[in-house]
Amino acid sequence: MTHAMQLGHRLQLNENPYGPPPSVHNALTQALASANRYPEFLPQRLPRLIADRLGCAPEAVMVGAGATGVITHIMQEMVTPGATVVMAAPTFEGYPILARMTGGQPIQVPLTIDGRQDLTAMASMIDEYTRLVVVCSPHNPTGTRVETDEFSAFVAGIDPAVTVVLDEAYVDFVTPQDRVHALALLQKYPNLLVLRTFSKAYGLAALRVGYAVGAPETIKRIARWQVPFGMNALAEVGVQACYAAEPEIAARVAEIDTERRRLIDGLRRLRFAVPDSVANFVYLTPPEDTTDTVGAALAGAGILVKHYPTGIRITVGDAAATDAVLNAVRGTIHR
């Protein structure tokens, strides 16, 4: 029995269920021949590659070891001991952890009843001690998105001395017309940073490639925390190959979208509350305090998921994974 078969379905980390497209796999395999060579002392080619694709200056892009690596450097630069970082609750667990690691205090604002970030409440928690506020679109763990108009109004009302991070780790799963016009907003708000990653839709989680886009002077401040030789040499190869394989990646994103819709519809038919996710995961709230029962059913079926105090986040996998989830939770519903 293989390790994958023993695990059943890994649906706890929002990984892309599909391996790299063949062309990306081949490019990475060929690059292994140079595994004895160091990467760049500090990355320059990769930021240029990303900037060319985005249509911005290379000085506006900073790369790191996944989005988490970039977040770490942002916290190191912006958060001083005693400072506060405003964020939703729940959110990506890296934010409160890294805020505390850098001496800051996370200020966590509950989500609305429908799983959205309460931007008005978050803005009200910003004071003279706040150095950073984080908004995720799509939001992790609920998958809900923020509208361009509401986000623009939110940033406009924030003190320019406070850095606003728009975490778009899952933006590639959102149809273009529904995305926040983030790069355009950067021209208007120099205190805005946009965070993205190649770990999700592009399926390069193991290579750890994330980046931030922002005002060049802000990016320069953050980049001073980069570790020499800190970026994997395969990162540049993988990103370039993914850009060349975007039609194949888009087809895989479409498959994930299909399974997400099927999973949401199936869970709702079983009377679970599920927000309208536009990411590669769904968030369910078991009825009548049956979270432990549902969690046990999923674990018993070999399905790994992420548990939160208010619900369970399930990554969208392939068709077999969707079937397995629905079959496992169906038995917990008492009619």
Protein backbone atom coordinates (compact mmCIF):
# COMPACT_ATOMS: atom_id res chain seq x y z
CA MET A 1 0.00 0.00 0.00
CA THR A 2 1.41 3.41 -0.94
CA HIS A 3 1.80 6.30 1.49
CA ALA A 4 -0.86 8.28 -0.44
CA MET A 5 -3.32 5.40 -0.15
CA GLN A 6 -2.65 5.16 3.59
CA LEU A 7 -3.45 8.84 4.02
CA GLY A 8 -6.62 8.71 1.96
CA HIS A 9 -7.13 12.33 0.95
CA ARG A 10 -4.92 15.24 2.07
CA LEU A 11 -7.45 18.05 2.26
CA GLN A 12 -6.01 20.10 5.13
CA LEU A 13 -3.41 22.38 3.48
CA ASN A 14 -5.23 23.78 0.41
CA GLU A 15 -2.78 22.07 -1.91
CA ASN A 16 -3.43 21.72 -5.62
CA PRO A 17 -4.47 18.06 -6.04
CA TYR A 18 -2.69 17.80 -9.37
CA GLY A 19 1.06 17.58 -9.92
CA PRO A 20 2.85 20.08 -12.15
CA PRO A 21 1.89 19.96 -15.86
CA PRO A 22 4.25 17.77 -17.90
CA SER A 23 6.15 20.76 -19.32
CA VAL A 24 6.75 22.18 -15.85
CA HIS A 25 7.78 18.77 -14.55
CA ASN A 26 10.26 18.38 -17.40
CA ALA A 27 11.75 21.84 -16.83
CA LEU A 28 12.24 21.13 -13.12
CA THR A 29 13.73 17.71 -13.83
CA GLN A 30 16.28 19.22 -16.23
CA ALA A 31 17.15 21.92 -13.72
CA LEU A 32 18.14 19.27 -11.18
CA ALA A 33 21.31 18.73 -13.20
CA SER A 34 22.51 22.03 -11.74
CA ALA A 35 21.59 21.17 -8.15
CA ASN A 36 25.26 21.54 -7.19
CA ARG A 37 25.13 25.29 -8.01
CA TYR A 38 24.01 28.02 -5.66
CA PRO A 39 21.07 30.23 -6.52
CA GLU A 40 21.52 34.00 -6.80
CA PHE A 41 22.99 35.62 -3.69
CA LEU A 42 19.87 37.80 -3.54
CA PRO A 43 17.10 37.17 -6.07
CA GLN A 44 16.98 39.53 -9.03
CA ARG A 45 15.96 37.47 -12.06
CA LEU A 46 12.80 36.10 -10.43
CA PRO A 47 11.42 39.52 -9.43
CA ARG A 48 12.08 40.74 -12.98
CA LEU A 49 10.28 37.73 -14.41
CA ILE A 50 7.23 38.34 -12.22
CA ALA A 51 7.29 42.10 -12.81
CA ASP A 52 7.35 41.57 -16.58
CA ARG A 53 4.23 39.40 -16.31
CA LEU A 54 2.45 41.91 -14.05
CA GLY A 55 3.50 44.95 -16.06
CA CYS A 56 5.23 46.74 -13.19
CA ALA A 57 8.77 47.77 -12.30
CA PRO A 58 11.05 45.02 -10.89
CA GLU A 59 11.70 47.31 -7.94
CA ALA A 60 8.02 46.91 -7.00
CA VAL A 61 8.36 43.12 -6.49
CA MET A 62 9.96 41.16 -3.67
CA VAL A 63 10.07 37.36 -3.58
CA GLY A 64 10.29 35.03 -0.62
CA ALA A 65 9.98 31.44 0.54
CA GLY A 66 6.28 31.16 -0.17
CA ALA A 67 3.74 33.73 0.95
CA THR A 68 4.69 32.83 4.54
CA GLY A 69 8.30 33.84 3.93
CA VAL A 70 7.19 37.18 2.51
CA ILE A 71 4.80 37.74 5.43
CA THR A 72 7.70 37.07 7.81
CA HIS A 73 9.81 39.79 6.21
CA ILE A 74 6.89 42.23 6.23
CA MET A 75 6.37 41.60 9.95
CA GLN A 76 10.10 41.91 10.65
CA GLU A 77 10.20 45.33 9.04
CA MET A 78 6.85 46.77 10.08
CA VAL A 79 6.09 45.30 13.51
CA THR A 80 7.96 46.60 16.53
CA PRO A 81 7.58 45.31 20.12
CA GLY A 82 4.22 46.37 21.48
CA ALA A 83 2.76 47.17 18.07
CA THR A 84 -0.56 45.68 17.00
CA VAL A 85 -1.54 43.82 13.86
CA VAL A 86 -5.25 43.84 12.99
CA MET A 87 -6.67 40.78 11.26
CA ALA A 88 -9.82 38.67 11.00
CA ALA A 89 -10.55 35.68 13.23
CA PRO A 90 -10.21 33.02 12.12
CA THR A 91 -7.61 33.68 9.44
CA PHE A 92 -4.44 32.06 8.10
CA GLU A 93 -2.74 30.91 11.30
CA GLY A 94 0.62 32.29 10.17
CA TYR A 95 -0.50 35.86 10.83
CA PRO A 96 -1.02 35.70 14.61
CA ILE A 97 2.00 33.42 15.01
CA LEU A 98 4.34 35.72 13.07
CA ALA A 99 2.93 38.84 14.71
CA ARG A 100 3.85 37.43 18.11
CA MET A 101 7.25 36.20 16.87
CA THR A 102 8.17 39.77 15.90
CA GLY A 103 7.01 41.20 19.23
CA GLY A 104 3.61 42.38 18.09
CA GLN A 105 0.12 41.73 19.36
CA PRO A 106 -2.51 40.28 17.00
CA ILE A 107 -5.89 42.02 17.22
CA GLN A 108 -8.38 39.49 15.89
CA VAL A 109 -11.79 40.66 14.68
CA PRO A 110 -14.59 38.07 14.33
CA LEU A 111 -16.03 37.34 10.89
CA THR A 112 -19.59 38.22 10.01
CA ILE A 113 -22.28 35.54 10.26
CA ASP A 114 -21.83 34.71 6.56
CA GLY A 115 -18.07 34.18 6.83
CA ARG A 116 -16.91 37.57 5.54
CA GLN A 117 -14.28 39.87 6.98
CA ASP A 118 -15.89 42.77 8.85
CA LEU A 119 -13.90 45.63 7.36
CA THR A 120 -15.78 48.26 9.35
CA ALA A 121 -15.01 46.51 12.64
CA MET A 122 -11.40 45.95 11.58
CA ALA A 123 -10.95 49.65 10.79
CA SER A 124 -12.37 50.55 14.20
CA MET A 125 -9.64 48.49 15.91
CA ILE A 126 -6.81 50.47 14.32
CA ASP A 127 -5.15 52.91 16.71
CA GLU A 128 -1.80 54.62 17.30
CA TYR A 129 -0.19 51.25 18.09
CA THR A 130 -1.25 49.58 14.85
CA ARG A 131 1.44 49.02 12.26
CA LEU A 132 -0.23 46.46 10.01
CA VAL A 133 -3.73 45.39 8.98
CA VAL A 134 -4.34 42.23 6.95
CA VAL A 135 -7.23 41.57 4.57
CA CYS A 136 -7.47 38.27 2.64
CA SER A 137 -9.39 37.91 -0.61
CA PRO A 138 -10.39 35.14 -0.98
CA HIS A 139 -10.40 34.77 2.78
CA ASN A 140 -8.79 31.81 4.46
CA PRO A 141 -10.58 29.74 5.82
CA THR A 142 -14.04 30.70 4.50
CA GLY A 143 -13.24 31.38 0.84
CA THR A 144 -15.33 34.57 0.73
CA ARG A 145 -14.08 37.53 -1.30
CA VAL A 146 -13.86 41.29 -0.87
CA GLU A 147 -15.31 43.66 -3.47
CA THR A 148 -13.04 46.25 -5.11
CA ASP A 149 -15.21 49.18 -4.01
CA GLU A 150 -15.42 48.11 -0.39
CA PHE A 151 -11.69 47.41 -0.21
CA SER A 152 -10.80 50.70 -1.88
CA ALA A 153 -12.99 52.56 0.61
CA PHE A 154 -11.37 50.62 3.44
CA VAL A 155 -7.81 51.52 2.39
CA ALA A 156 -8.80 55.14 1.79
CA GLY A 157 -9.87 55.42 5.42
CA ILE A 158 -6.66 53.94 6.87
CA ASP A 159 -3.90 56.16 8.22
CA PRO A 160 -1.12 56.13 5.56
CA ALA A 161 1.34 55.27 8.34
CA VAL A 162 -0.38 51.88 8.70
CA THR A 163 0.57 49.23 6.13
CA VAL A 164 -2.35 47.37 4.56
CA VAL A 165 -1.63 43.83 3.33
CA LEU A 166 -4.04 42.39 0.77
CA ASP A 167 -3.38 38.66 0.83
CA GLU A 168 -4.34 37.22 -2.56
CA ALA A 169 -2.91 33.73 -2.13
CA TYR A 170 -6.03 32.24 -3.77
CA VAL A 171 -6.75 34.97 -6.32
CA ASP A 172 -6.12 32.66 -9.29
CA PHE A 173 -9.26 30.72 -8.42
CA VAL A 174 -11.38 33.88 -8.74
CA THR A 175 -12.76 34.91 -12.13
CA PRO A 176 -10.94 38.06 -13.34
CA GLN A 177 -14.05 40.25 -13.19
CA ASP A 178 -14.57 39.38 -9.51
CA ARG A 179 -11.04 40.14 -8.31
CA VAL A 180 -10.02 43.24 -6.38
CA HIS A 181 -8.28 45.65 -8.78
CA ALA A 182 -5.25 45.36 -6.55
CA LEU A 183 -2.44 46.43 -8.85
CA ALA A 184 -4.35 49.55 -9.89
CA LEU A 185 -4.94 50.45 -6.24
CA LEU A 186 -1.17 50.31 -5.62
CA GLN A 187 -0.80 53.44 -7.72
CA LYS A 188 -3.15 55.30 -5.38
CA TYR A 189 -2.20 53.90 -1.98
CA PRO A 190 1.57 53.64 -1.26
CA ASN A 191 0.84 51.97 2.10
CA LEU A 192 -0.72 48.96 0.31
CA LEU A 193 1.11 45.67 -0.22
CA VAL A 194 -0.35 42.87 -2.38
CA LEU A 195 0.71 39.35 -1.50
CA ARG A 196 0.55 36.37 -3.89
CA THR A 197 1.97 32.86 -4.18
CA PHE A 198 2.72 30.07 -6.64
CA SER A 199 1.83 27.41 -4.06
CA LYS A 200 -1.89 27.16 -4.80
CA ALA A 201 -3.22 27.40 -8.36
CA TYR A 202 0.24 26.91 -9.87
CA GLY A 203 0.94 23.88 -7.70
CA LEU A 204 4.49 24.77 -6.66
CA ALA A 205 3.96 24.50 -2.89
CA ALA A 206 7.11 22.42 -2.36
CA LEU A 207 9.30 25.03 -4.09
CA ARG A 208 8.19 27.86 -1.74
CA VAL A 209 7.66 30.80 -4.08
CA GLY A 210 5.68 33.83 -2.96
CA TYR A 211 5.92 37.53 -3.66
CA ALA A 212 4.75 40.97 -2.62
CA VAL A 213 4.01 43.93 -4.90
CA GLY A 214 4.09 47.46 -3.57
CA ALA A 215 5.71 50.88 -3.66
CA PRO A 216 9.43 50.46 -4.51
CA GLU A 217 10.54 52.27 -1.36
CA THR A 218 8.44 49.91 0.79
CA ILE A 219 9.62 46.84 -1.10
CA LYS A 220 13.24 47.94 -0.59
CA ARG A 221 12.66 48.17 3.17
CA ILE A 222 11.16 44.68 3.33
CA ALA A 223 13.78 43.14 1.03
CA ARG A 224 16.59 44.00 3.43
CA TRP A 225 15.43 41.03 5.52
CA GLN A 226 16.01 38.54 2.70
CA VAL A 227 18.47 35.78 3.56
CA PRO A 228 21.44 35.40 1.18
CA PHE A 229 21.00 32.35 -1.07
CA GLY A 230 17.54 32.05 0.51
CA MET A 231 15.49 31.36 -2.62
CA ASN A 232 15.43 27.87 -4.10
CA ALA A 233 17.19 27.79 -7.48
CA LEU A 234 14.27 25.80 -8.88
CA ALA A 235 11.87 28.64 -8.08
CA GLU A 236 12.80 30.70 -11.13
CA VAL A 237 12.66 27.64 -13.40
CA GLY A 238 9.29 26.60 -12.01
CA VAL A 239 7.72 30.05 -12.32
CA GLN A 240 8.93 30.53 -15.89
CA ALA A 241 7.66 27.08 -16.87
CA CYS A 242 4.29 27.74 -15.19
CA TYR A 243 3.87 31.00 -17.07
CA ALA A 244 4.49 29.10 -20.31
CA ALA A 245 1.98 26.41 -19.26
CA GLU A 246 -0.84 28.73 -18.19
CA PRO A 247 -3.47 27.16 -20.49
CA GLU A 248 -2.87 23.79 -18.81
CA ILE A 249 -2.94 25.37 -15.36
CA ALA A 250 -6.15 27.23 -16.22
CA ALA A 251 -7.74 23.92 -17.22
CA ARG A 252 -6.82 22.45 -13.84
CA VAL A 253 -8.21 25.48 -12.05
CA ALA A 254 -11.45 24.93 -13.97
CA GLU A 255 -11.55 21.31 -12.75
CA ILE A 256 -11.07 22.49 -9.18
CA ASP A 257 -13.85 25.04 -9.68
CA THR A 258 -16.17 22.26 -10.85
CA GLU A 259 -15.38 20.13 -7.81
CA ARG A 260 -15.77 23.11 -5.47
CA ARG A 261 -19.27 23.74 -6.78
CA ARG A 262 -20.12 20.06 -6.50
CA LEU A 263 -18.79 19.91 -2.95
CA ILE A 264 -20.66 23.05 -1.85
CA ASP A 265 -23.91 21.87 -3.44
CA GLY A 266 -23.57 18.41 -1.89
CA LEU A 267 -22.83 19.76 1.59
CA ARG A 268 -25.73 22.21 1.42
CA ARG A 269 -28.09 19.44 0.40
CA LEU A 270 -26.99 17.69 3.59
CA ARG A 271 -28.00 20.86 5.48
CA PHE A 272 -24.53 22.13 6.26
CA ALA A 273 -23.93 25.88 6.34
CA VAL A 274 -21.27 26.66 3.73
CA PRO A 275 -20.23 30.20 2.69
CA ASP A 276 -19.94 31.06 -1.01
CA SER A 277 -16.28 30.14 -1.45
CA VAL A 278 -14.33 31.29 -4.51
CA ALA A 279 -11.11 29.56 -3.44
CA ASN A 280 -9.91 25.95 -3.60
CA PHE A 281 -11.50 25.08 -0.27
CA VAL A 282 -14.85 25.21 1.49
CA TYR A 283 -15.77 25.95 5.09
CA LEU A 284 -18.56 24.06 6.73
CA THR A 285 -20.26 24.56 10.06
CA PRO A 286 -21.79 21.28 11.26
CA PRO A 287 -25.34 21.66 12.60
CA GLU A 288 -26.34 21.34 16.24
CA ASP A 289 -22.80 21.15 17.66
CA THR A 290 -21.91 17.99 15.76
CA THR A 291 -18.42 19.21 14.81
CA ASP A 292 -16.71 16.36 16.65
CA THR A 293 -18.96 13.78 14.99
CA VAL A 294 -18.29 15.16 11.53
CA GLY A 295 -14.58 15.43 12.24
CA ALA A 296 -14.47 11.83 13.43
CA ALA A 297 -16.33 10.67 10.30
CA LEU A 298 -13.85 12.42 8.03
CA ALA A 299 -10.87 11.07 9.98
CA GLY A 300 -12.36 7.58 9.90
CA ALA A 301 -12.50 7.80 6.12
CA GLY A 302 -8.83 8.80 5.97
CA ILE A 303 -9.64 12.40 5.06
CA LEU A 304 -7.35 15.05 6.55
CA VAL A 305 -9.01 18.46 7.10
CA LYS A 306 -8.29 21.65 9.04
CA HIS A 307 -10.31 22.28 12.21
CA TYR A 308 -11.20 25.72 13.58
CA PRO A 309 -13.26 26.68 16.65
CA THR A 310 -16.14 27.71 14.38
CA GLY A 311 -15.98 25.03 11.69
CA ILE A 312 -14.01 22.77 9.38
CA ARG A 313 -12.05 23.80 6.28
CA ILE A 314 -11.88 21.21 3.51
CA THR A 315 -9.57 21.58 0.53
CA VAL A 316 -11.15 20.88 -2.84
CA GLY A 317 -9.51 17.81 -4.31
CA ASP A 318 -10.28 15.68 -7.33
CA ALA A 319 -13.62 13.99 -8.03
CA ALA A 320 -12.74 11.01 -5.84
CA ALA A 321 -11.98 13.31 -2.93
CA THR A 322 -15.32 15.11 -3.33
CA ASP A 323 -17.15 11.78 -3.34
CA ALA A 324 -15.24 10.64 -0.25
CA VAL A 325 -16.08 13.80 1.72
CA LEU A 326 -19.77 13.68 0.87
CA ASN A 327 -20.00 9.98 1.67
CA ALA A 328 -18.22 10.44 4.99
CA VAL A 329 -20.40 13.28 6.27
CA ARG A 330 -23.66 11.89 4.94
CA GLY A 331 -23.73 9.30 7.71
CA THR A 332 -23.57 12.00 10.40
CA ILE A 333 -26.87 13.59 9.39
CA HIS A 334 -29.84 12.34 11.42
CA ARG A 335 -33.23 12.73 9.78
